[in-house]
Amino acid sequence: MQATPVDFAFHDLEPGSDDFRADVLQGLAKPGKEIPPKYFYDAEGSKLFSAICELPEYYPTRTEIGILAAQAEEIARLAGPDSLILEYGSGSSQKIRLLIQAMRPCGYVPIEICRSYLQDAAAELTQHFPGLPIHAICADYTQLRHLPAEVKAHGRHMLFFPGSTIGNCTPLQATQLLKTAATLLGPSGALLIGVDLKKDPARLNAAYNDTQGVTAAFNLNLLRRINQELDGDFDLANFRHRAFYNADQGRVEMHLESLADQRVRVADVIFDFRRNESIHTENSYKYTTEEFRQMAETAGFKPLRVWTDAEHLFSVHYLQVGVGWRG
């Protein structure tokens, strides 16, 4: 069954190339060079990340899916009937299918920064769930302050934020993002969020340094994107992927490390690299369940439930805006 126009709407708030250019030039000019991880996700980067999620070393995706599958009925009960599901960083929309089947929501709002990836994933969902209203929003969710009027008019909102993407933010940034989400959801809203747990550093280092080199390709794709969109001349062979767990900071760090002294041009601006100097491309903070609960409460949420897997690798939290604690 084909989706009818009333079933699907597309809201294009995609950041422009000027934002990408400004953030890259500003980041490369810093004494410690860095680029925000949100720019990983062009069409190729999104495909590579989907491949990462299937890797044997990368436990978060399959572990989170297992938790969601086991707890879907309880999540649906907590959310209540006819909720509207929003999703930050919807990607391929794989995990949301479990929730849609269990919750039977009044609509679904995927929010994704890559336009082409969002369009493809949303179109596929209309075929799997005919009649389900889908309002796809192409936007940087970290900057999203208001929902389109036709989306906001729906009933109670539940935001789904999977994959421990909250870990890409510093704790201060994460708290602010959660505060923004609480405002976006309103006083009756809820948040279902995946959070990676602290664990053996060897397990973490393996997850971000897979033997097939897919994570390395994902990291290096950022330089390819700069070359393509910002007239850069990075030689990808002169950089290598480096990822490691920083125990003091409680985070995995990803870097692109220069293999030689070299000079690179981006958008007619010259940047010098020393051998072993790196571009810091991503953090992935890990938390204990109590650490994350405290952060959520600071941001205006009250924890209602937390579920983990048998190995205690990953957690899924159900939080509500401005209600009392229920253990």
Foldseek 3Di string as FASTA:
>chain_A
DAADPQQEAEAEPADDVVVQQVQQVVQLPDPQHAHEQLLLDEPVLLVLVVVLLPAPLAPFNVFVLVQCLVCLQVVLVVQDAQAEEEEEACRLVPSCVSNCVNNVHQAYEYEHNHVVRQVVSVSVVCVVPPPHRYYYYHYNLLPDQEDPPVSVPGDQYEYEYEDLPLQQDQLVSSLVSLLSVLNHRDQFYKYKYKAFADDDQVSVQCSCCPPVCSNFVSVLVSVVVQCVSFVKDDDSVQWTWDWGQDVVRQKIWIWIFGQAFDWMDTNNDIHTDHHRRIYTYTIGHHHHPVVVQVSNVSSQWEWEDKDGDPVRGMIITMIGGNDDYHD
